[in-house]
């Protein structure tokens, strides 16, 4: 499903500084716990990058592939065509047993651009696992009522 020329995606050694506040902003939509968000964002730059295929990231996050016409995806595709390196992706590990998908805290558009270039692109990601004991679940949340919560990002 490659839509760009057969160009290899290159990656920066580190995530861009502005990616961390963006991840915190996104995570604030999922967690009502500023301390937890702060600990996640603080832990991300300390994580060793792991490489995951673009297709696997989208599947684990339960996210659709954004089209090449999406302005942010188009911008990243342009960077790829020019040989510019993309920033690493920031992740929060999902919990299969509890029905929570992987969260792409920052880098959804980069994942989609990489997939459109080559779905097997290996993307360097920094991933944090949240111990389930750290998550406060409000009484009225879907998780406490026994229904599957759907905390899936659609715009990041």
Protein backbone atom coordinates (compact mmCIF):
# COMPACT_ATOMS: atom_id res chain seq x y z
CA UNK A 1 0.00 0.00 0.00
CA UNK A 2 2.94 2.36 -0.50
CA UNK A 3 1.94 5.70 -1.99
CA UNK A 4 5.29 7.47 -1.95
CA UNK A 5 8.40 6.58 -3.90
CA UNK A 6 10.42 3.73 -2.43
CA UNK A 7 12.32 5.97 -0.06
CA UNK A 8 13.55 4.84 3.31
CA UNK A 9 12.24 6.76 6.30
CA UNK A 10 15.02 8.19 8.47
CA UNK A 11 14.63 8.92 12.15
CA UNK A 12 16.20 11.34 14.60
CA UNK A 13 18.22 9.93 17.50
CA UNK A 14 15.92 11.73 19.96
CA UNK A 15 12.36 12.95 20.06
CA UNK A 16 11.86 16.66 19.47
CA UNK A 17 11.50 18.73 22.66
CA UNK A 18 8.00 19.91 21.67
CA UNK A 19 6.78 16.29 21.40
CA UNK A 20 6.72 15.84 25.18
CA UNK A 21 4.32 18.72 25.98
CA UNK A 22 2.18 17.53 23.05
CA UNK A 23 2.11 14.04 24.58
CA UNK A 24 1.15 15.51 27.96
CA UNK A 25 -1.68 17.49 26.37
CA UNK A 26 -3.02 14.39 24.65
CA UNK A 27 -2.70 12.25 27.78
CA UNK A 28 -4.62 14.86 29.79
CA UNK A 29 -7.64 13.87 27.71
CA UNK A 30 -7.29 10.27 28.89
CA UNK A 31 -6.22 10.66 32.53
CA UNK A 32 -7.51 13.05 35.16
CA UNK A 33 -4.31 12.74 37.15
CA UNK A 34 -1.68 15.43 36.48
CA UNK A 35 0.88 13.60 38.65
CA UNK A 36 0.51 10.41 36.60
CA UNK A 37 0.77 12.36 33.35
CA UNK A 38 3.87 14.11 34.67
CA UNK A 39 5.48 10.78 35.60
CA UNK A 40 4.70 9.31 32.18
CA UNK A 41 6.11 12.30 30.29
CA UNK A 42 9.15 12.42 32.58
CA UNK A 43 9.81 8.71 31.97
CA UNK A 44 9.52 8.85 28.17
CA UNK A 45 12.88 10.48 27.35
CA UNK A 46 14.62 8.05 29.71
CA UNK A 47 13.28 5.00 27.85
CA UNK A 48 15.53 3.27 25.36
CA UNK A 49 13.93 3.44 21.93
CA UNK A 50 12.41 0.19 20.65
CA UNK A 51 11.60 -0.34 16.99
CA UNK A 52 8.12 -1.40 15.91
CA UNK A 53 6.67 -1.72 12.42
CA UNK A 54 4.25 0.98 11.34
CA UNK A 55 1.55 -1.59 10.58
CA UNK A 56 1.85 -3.12 14.06
CA UNK A 57 1.61 0.27 15.79
CA UNK A 58 -1.63 1.11 14.00
CA UNK A 59 -3.08 -2.33 14.78
CA UNK A 60 -2.09 -2.23 18.48
CA UNK A 61 -3.47 1.30 18.83
CA UNK A 62 -6.69 0.31 17.03
CA UNK A 63 -6.30 3.38 14.84
CA UNK A 64 -7.20 3.93 11.20
CA UNK A 65 -4.57 4.84 8.65
CA UNK A 66 -4.89 8.53 7.89
CA UNK A 67 -4.78 9.39 4.18
CA UNK A 68 -1.90 11.10 2.44
CA UNK A 69 -4.24 14.09 1.98
CA UNK A 70 -4.29 14.76 5.73
CA UNK A 71 -2.25 17.98 6.11
CA UNK A 72 0.00 16.64 8.87
CA UNK A 73 0.57 13.32 7.11
CA UNK A 74 1.29 15.20 3.86
CA UNK A 75 3.84 17.35 5.68
CA UNK A 76 5.60 14.26 7.04
CA UNK A 77 5.52 12.58 3.61
CA UNK A 78 7.18 15.68 2.17
CA UNK A 79 9.91 15.43 4.85
CA UNK A 80 10.42 11.76 3.94
CA UNK A 81 10.71 12.60 0.21
CA UNK A 82 13.30 15.29 1.01
CA UNK A 83 15.28 12.82 3.15
CA UNK A 84 14.66 14.71 6.39
CA UNK A 85 14.57 12.71 9.62
CA UNK A 86 11.36 12.36 11.59
CA UNK A 87 11.07 12.57 15.36
CA UNK A 88 10.68 9.35 17.33
CA UNK A 89 7.18 8.30 18.39
CA UNK A 90 6.01 8.43 22.02
CA UNK A 91 3.82 5.59 23.28
CA UNK A 92 1.95 4.39 26.34
CA UNK A 93 1.62 0.61 26.37
CA UNK A 94 -1.91 -0.75 26.10
CA UNK A 95 -3.48 -3.41 28.29
CA UNK A 96 -5.00 -6.23 26.24
CA UNK A 97 -6.65 -7.89 29.24
CA UNK A 98 -8.43 -4.68 30.27
CA UNK A 99 -9.33 -3.68 26.71
CA UNK A 100 -7.13 -0.60 26.46
CA UNK A 101 -5.29 -0.16 23.16
CA UNK A 102 -1.79 1.17 22.82
CA UNK A 103 -1.80 4.97 22.98
CA UNK A 104 0.24 6.97 20.52
CA UNK A 105 0.87 9.91 22.82
CA UNK A 106 2.69 11.77 20.07
CA UNK A 107 3.48 10.76 16.50
CA UNK A 108 0.25 9.37 14.98
CA UNK A 109 0.79 11.35 11.76
CA UNK A 110 4.42 10.19 11.53
CA UNK A 111 3.28 6.57 11.92
CA UNK A 112 0.74 7.04 9.12
CA UNK A 113 3.27 8.73 6.82
CA UNK A 114 5.72 5.91 7.51
CA UNK A 115 3.06 3.30 6.76
CA UNK A 116 2.18 5.02 3.49
CA UNK A 117 5.86 4.94 2.54
CA UNK A 118 6.28 1.30 3.58
CA UNK A 119 4.01 -0.49 6.05
CA UNK A 120 7.04 -2.44 7.32
CA UNK A 121 8.95 0.71 8.25
CA UNK A 122 10.59 0.17 11.62
CA UNK A 123 9.85 3.17 13.78
CA UNK A 124 11.91 4.03 16.85
CA UNK A 125 9.51 4.54 19.74
CA UNK A 126 9.83 5.39 23.38
CA UNK A 127 7.25 3.39 25.29
CA UNK A 128 6.10 3.66 28.90
CA UNK A 129 4.06 1.03 30.72
CA UNK A 130 1.71 2.31 33.38
CA UNK A 131 1.30 -0.08 36.29
CA UNK A 132 -2.44 -0.68 36.63
CA UNK A 133 -2.17 0.16 40.33
CA UNK A 134 -1.26 3.73 39.29
CA UNK A 135 -4.50 4.39 37.43
CA UNK A 136 -7.38 5.87 39.40
CA UNK A 137 -10.68 4.85 37.86
CA UNK A 138 -13.58 7.23 38.55
CA UNK A 139 -16.73 5.47 39.81
CA UNK A 140 -18.78 6.50 36.79
CA UNK A 141 -16.21 5.41 34.19
CA UNK A 142 -16.90 2.60 31.69
CA UNK A 143 -14.08 0.58 33.27
CA UNK A 144 -15.86 0.45 36.61
CA UNK A 145 -19.19 -0.42 35.02
CA UNK A 146 -17.81 -3.48 33.25
CA UNK A 147 -18.14 -2.13 29.70
CA UNK A 148 -15.13 -1.82 27.44
CA UNK A 149 -13.76 1.71 27.51
CA UNK A 150 -12.78 3.22 24.18
CA UNK A 151 -10.00 5.69 24.74
CA UNK A 152 -8.71 5.69 21.20
CA UNK A 153 -7.10 8.84 19.76
CA UNK A 154 -8.21 9.93 16.35
CA UNK A 155 -6.28 13.13 15.77
CA UNK A 156 -2.73 12.81 17.04
